[in-house]
Amino acid sequence: MMDHGSTALGAASGRVNFPLILTLDMHGIPHRWITWQHACYYYTKERIAWSLGATAFTIYGGISRISGRRSEITASSIIAIKGKAMAIRSFNNVPPLNNRELFHRDRHLCAYCGGVFSSTRLTRDHITPFSRGGRDAWMNVVTACRSCNERKSDRTPEQAGMELLYAPYVPNRAEYLILTNRRILADQMQFLAQHVPAQSRLRQSM
């Protein structure tokens, strides 16, 4: 039998589309998403420092030949992992840059014309082009529609006479985790939202 708010899952049920579990360091800083199998590993190795969340998942394993009892692990939707290395990585890690998260950061809004487009009609524009010493980094890229990117070409916005409608920024860890997961549980979103900067464009849709 399951407790209220819990979800039962057999150990052999890898086919089930199970929500990802949010991990934190021991200070409560968001770290990454993990699968329920990875969470079970942390539980069995006793590496869970503490847990949060209104949702818990009970995972059932096999039956012991000795006791005749079925093994089970109850994993919370938000868990803090023991270890100093986890805390160091959480604080110092700059989220990797890719188009999907860039477009989400900028809300699919072209930085030059202000139009909202689907991902297939958007590009990654380097504010300062590579040819002029620009880097492929969060602070030098914005979302641009294909038409504006072609018009800007290998120039800076000033040289092209095109005004930037918004400034780029580096998403913090919590914002990046929201951008990368399309199936976030309500308690996980509530926790991550507390760590999203006030100036983040992501707050417009939260």
Foldseek 3Di string as FASTA:
>chain_A
DDDPQEAEAEPPPPVDPDDWAWEAAPVLQTFATDHVVVQVVQVVVVFFPDFDAPHKYKYWYDADPVPRHIDIDIGHSYTHGYDPVRVVCQVPPFDDDDQQLQCVQQVCAAQFPRDRDDSVQKDKAFQQAVVRPTDPDQQGTHIHGPVVRVQCDNHHCVVSVTDGNDGTDGWHPLSSNVSVDPDDDPRSCVSSVVVGDPPGPNVVVD
